[in-house]
C-alpha atoms as a PDB file:
ATOM      1  CA  MET A   1      -3.820-124.926  -5.713  1.00  0.00           C
ATOM      2  CA  GLU A   2      -1.562-122.682  -3.616  1.00  0.00           C
ATOM      3  CA  SER A   3       0.147-119.905  -5.559  1.00  0.00           C
ATOM      4  CA  SER A   4       3.846-119.157  -5.181  1.00  0.00           C
ATOM      5  CA  GLN A   5       5.161-115.914  -3.767  1.00  0.00           C
ATOM      6  CA  PHE A   6       8.522-114.377  -2.945  1.00  0.00           C
ATOM      7  CA  SER A   7       9.898-110.900  -2.377  1.00  0.00           C
ATOM      8  CA  ILE A   8      13.114-108.927  -2.634  1.00  0.00           C
ATOM      9  CA  ALA A   9      13.881-105.745  -0.701  1.00  0.00           C
ATOM     10  CA  THR A  10      16.665-103.254  -1.340  1.00  0.00           C
ATOM     11  CA  THR A  11      17.558 -99.604  -1.124  1.00  0.00           C
ATOM     12  CA  LEU A  12      16.428 -97.780  -4.237  1.00  0.00           C
ATOM     13  CA  ASP A  13      19.282 -96.142  -6.124  1.00  0.00           C
ATOM     14  CA  PRO A  14      18.220 -92.508  -6.808  1.00  0.00           C
ATOM     15  CA  ARG A  15      20.412 -92.473  -9.933  1.00  0.00           C
ATOM     16  CA  LEU A  16      17.795 -94.715 -11.584  1.00  0.00           C
ATOM     17  CA  HIS A  17      15.076 -92.056 -11.383  1.00  0.00           C
ATOM     18  CA  ALA A  18      13.697 -90.967 -14.757  1.00  0.00           C
ATOM     19  CA  HIS A  19      14.701 -87.346 -14.226  1.00  0.00           C
ATOM     20  CA  THR A  20      18.255 -87.878 -12.975  1.00  0.00           C
ATOM     21  CA  SER A  21      20.537 -85.449 -14.772  1.00  0.00           C
ATOM     22  CA  GLY A  22      23.445 -86.570 -16.895  1.00  0.00           C
ATOM     23  CA  GLY A  23      23.944 -88.190 -20.249  1.00  0.00           C
ATOM     24  CA  LYS A  24      22.322 -91.402 -21.358  1.00  0.00           C
ATOM     25  CA  PHE A  25      25.332 -93.379 -20.130  1.00  0.00           C
ATOM     26  CA  SER A  26      25.132 -91.965 -16.589  1.00  0.00           C
ATOM     27  CA  LYS A  27      22.649 -94.701 -15.663  1.00  0.00           C
ATOM     28  CA  THR A  28      24.584 -97.605 -17.172  1.00  0.00           C
ATOM     29  CA  THR A  29      26.521 -98.565 -14.042  1.00  0.00           C
ATOM     30  CA  PRO A  30      23.653 -98.134 -11.545  1.00  0.00           C
ATOM     31  CA  THR A  31      21.343-100.064 -13.870  1.00  0.00           C
ATOM     32  CA  LYS A  32      23.761-102.986 -14.139  1.00  0.00           C
ATOM     33  CA  GLN A  33      24.350-102.934 -10.367  1.00  0.00           C
ATOM     34  CA  ALA A  34      20.627-102.888  -9.566  1.00  0.00           C
ATOM     35  CA  ARG A  35      19.961-105.729 -11.977  1.00  0.00           C
ATOM     36  CA  GLU A  36      22.720-107.874 -10.450  1.00  0.00           C
ATOM     37  CA  ILE A  37      21.618-107.090  -6.881  1.00  0.00           C
ATOM     38  CA  ALA A  38      18.045-108.114  -7.684  1.00  0.00           C
ATOM     39  CA  LYS A  39      19.200-111.328  -9.342  1.00  0.00           C
ATOM     40  CA  LEU A  40      21.251-112.274  -6.279  1.00  0.00           C
ATOM     41  CA  LEU A  41      18.450-111.351  -3.857  1.00  0.00           C
ATOM     42  CA  ALA A  42      15.977-113.439  -5.844  1.00  0.00           C
ATOM     43  CA  ILE A  43      18.289-116.449  -5.840  1.00  0.00           C
ATOM     44  CA  GLN A  44      18.936-116.006  -2.100  1.00  0.00           C
ATOM     45  CA  ALA A  45      15.175-115.965  -1.485  1.00  0.00           C
ATOM     46  CA  GLY A  46      15.258-119.702  -2.173  1.00  0.00           C
ATOM     47  CA  ALA A  47      11.830-119.555  -3.786  1.00  0.00           C
ATOM     48  CA  LYS A  48      10.487-121.907  -6.396  1.00  0.00           C
ATOM     49  CA  PRO A  49      10.029-120.378  -9.836  1.00  0.00           C
ATOM     50  CA  ILE A  50       6.583-118.995 -10.563  1.00  0.00           C
ATOM     51  CA  ARG A  51       5.267-120.660 -13.704  1.00  0.00           C
ATOM     52  CA  GLY A  52       2.666-118.688 -15.586  1.00  0.00           C
ATOM     53  CA  PRO A  53       1.342-115.204 -14.913  1.00  0.00           C
ATOM     54  CA  VAL A  54       2.793-113.160 -12.071  1.00  0.00           C
ATOM     55  CA  VAL A  55       1.684-109.996 -10.301  1.00  0.00           C
ATOM     56  CA  VAL A  56       4.270-107.705  -8.743  1.00  0.00           C
ATOM     57  CA  ASP A  57       3.401-105.451  -5.804  1.00  0.00           C
ATOM     58  CA  TYR A  58       5.618-102.448  -5.092  1.00  0.00           C
ATOM     59  CA  ARG A  59       6.104-101.294  -1.497  1.00  0.00           C
ATOM     60  CA  PHE A  60       8.127 -98.092  -1.395  1.00  0.00           C
ATOM     61  CA  THR A  61       9.681 -96.513   1.676  1.00  0.00           C
ATOM     62  CA  VAL A  62      10.603 -92.832   1.370  1.00  0.00           C
ATOM     63  CA  PRO A  63      12.584 -90.708   3.852  1.00  0.00           C
ATOM     64  CA  ASP A  64      10.183 -87.751   3.887  1.00  0.00           C
ATOM     65  CA  ARG A  65       6.722 -86.594   2.823  1.00  0.00           C
ATOM     66  CA  ARG A  66       7.923 -84.830  -0.331  1.00  0.00           C
ATOM     67  CA  ARG A  67       5.611 -85.342  -3.293  1.00  0.00           C
ATOM     68  CA  ARG A  68       6.811 -88.071  -5.629  1.00  0.00           C
ATOM     69  CA  ASP A  69       5.501 -89.275  -8.967  1.00  0.00           C
ATOM     70  CA  LEU A  70       4.456 -92.939  -8.652  1.00  0.00           C
ATOM     71  CA  ALA A  71       4.984 -93.616 -12.358  1.00  0.00           C
ATOM     72  CA  ASN A  72       8.603 -92.459 -12.080  1.00  0.00           C
ATOM     73  CA  MET A  73       9.091 -94.527  -8.931  1.00  0.00           C
ATOM     74  CA  LEU A  74       7.855 -97.622 -10.750  1.00  0.00           C
ATOM     75  CA  GLN A  75      10.134 -96.864 -13.713  1.00  0.00           C
ATOM     76  CA  SER A  76      13.103 -96.730 -11.330  1.00  0.00           C
ATOM     77  CA  CYS A  77      12.416-100.364 -10.420  1.00  0.00           C
ATOM     78  CA  LYS A  78      12.758-101.717 -13.969  1.00  0.00           C
ATOM     79  CA  PRO A  79      16.357-102.953 -13.478  1.00  0.00           C
ATOM     80  CA  TYR A  80      15.305-104.785 -10.318  1.00  0.00           C
ATOM     81  CA  VAL A  81      12.493-106.562 -12.165  1.00  0.00           C
ATOM     82  CA  ASP A  82      14.944-107.428 -14.964  1.00  0.00           C
ATOM     83  CA  GLY A  83      17.277-108.957 -12.378  1.00  0.00           C
ATOM     84  CA  VAL A  84      14.491-111.175 -11.082  1.00  0.00           C
ATOM     85  CA  VAL A  85      13.805-112.282 -14.662  1.00  0.00           C
ATOM     86  CA  ASP A  86      17.552-113.021 -15.010  1.00  0.00           C
ATOM     87  CA  SER A  87      17.320-115.242 -11.908  1.00  0.00           C
ATOM     88  CA  GLY A  88      14.814-117.499 -13.689  1.00  0.00           C
ATOM     89  CA  LEU A  89      12.188-117.173 -10.934  1.00  0.00           C
ATOM     90  CA  ILE A  90       9.689-115.527 -13.276  1.00  0.00           C
ATOM     91  CA  ALA A  91       9.245-116.122 -16.993  1.00  0.00           C
ATOM     92  CA  GLY A  92       9.460-112.499 -18.085  1.00  0.00           C
ATOM     93  CA  ASP A  93       8.150-109.011 -17.581  1.00  0.00           C
ATOM     94  CA  HIS A  94       6.113-108.474 -20.714  1.00  0.00           C
ATOM     95  CA  TRP A  95       2.394-107.783 -20.583  1.00  0.00           C
ATOM     96  CA  GLU A  96       1.372-111.391 -21.256  1.00  0.00           C
ATOM     97  CA  VAL A  97       3.031-112.758 -18.112  1.00  0.00           C
ATOM     98  CA  MET A  98       3.356-109.887 -15.640  1.00  0.00           C
ATOM     99  CA  ALA A  99       0.933-107.349 -14.212  1.00  0.00           C
ATOM    100  CA  ILE A 100       1.399-104.530 -11.722  1.00  0.00           C
ATOM    101  CA  GLY A 101      -0.468-105.166  -8.500  1.00  0.00           C
ATOM    102  CA  GLU A 102      -0.655-102.953  -5.438  1.00  0.00           C
ATOM    103  CA  VAL A 103       1.599 -99.920  -5.088  1.00  0.00           C
ATOM    104  CA  SER A 104       2.083 -98.439  -1.636  1.00  0.00           C
ATOM    105  CA  VAL A 105       4.295 -95.759  -0.132  1.00  0.00           C
ATOM    106  CA  VAL A 106       5.219 -95.309   3.532  1.00  0.00           C
ATOM    107  CA  VAL A 107       7.540 -92.848   5.273  1.00  0.00           C
ATOM    108  CA  GLY A 108      10.614 -94.463   6.815  1.00  0.00           C
ATOM    109  CA  LYS A 109      14.334 -93.997   7.236  1.00  0.00           C
ATOM    110  CA  GLN A 110      15.635 -94.324   3.684  1.00  0.00           C
ATOM    111  CA  LEU A 111      14.579 -94.674   0.066  1.00  0.00           C
ATOM    112  CA  ALA A 112      13.862 -98.387  -0.419  1.00  0.00           C
ATOM    113  CA  VAL A 113      11.575-100.766  -2.231  1.00  0.00           C
ATOM    114  CA  GLU A 114      10.203-104.234  -1.637  1.00  0.00           C
ATOM    115  CA  LEU A 115       8.943-106.068  -4.681  1.00  0.00           C
ATOM    116  CA  VAL A 116       6.539-108.923  -3.994  1.00  0.00           C
ATOM    117  CA  PHE A 117       6.094-111.387  -6.838  1.00  0.00           C
ATOM    118  CA  ARG A 118       3.062-113.651  -6.634  1.00  0.00           C
ATOM    119  CA  GLY A 119       1.650-116.216  -8.983  1.00  0.00           C
ATOM    120  CA  VAL A 120      -1.954-115.928 -10.112  1.00  0.00           C
END
């Protein structure tokens, strides 16, 4: 049986980083925006929903070689994953249905991420 796969790619909003300064409400707008963007990108992907377990691979592009904490980078992607869940293309993001796959970082022009969702 062939497994399903689709991806979304977007610039990564730096306001979503775990250590962004400001009050707890400073991330409300960027979080909502990221979630909606991801939902729309997932729908535009035209993919069939993945039924059952899914693995998500994270492919980050960063603008320089500055040291970055991978755990914080992954945390910044939570609203994007939630948006894909909102699209209905994956069943959820809890531990019983989703696992983290490969995480890679390359140097490029801007801070961006591609999330690849694949059925297992």
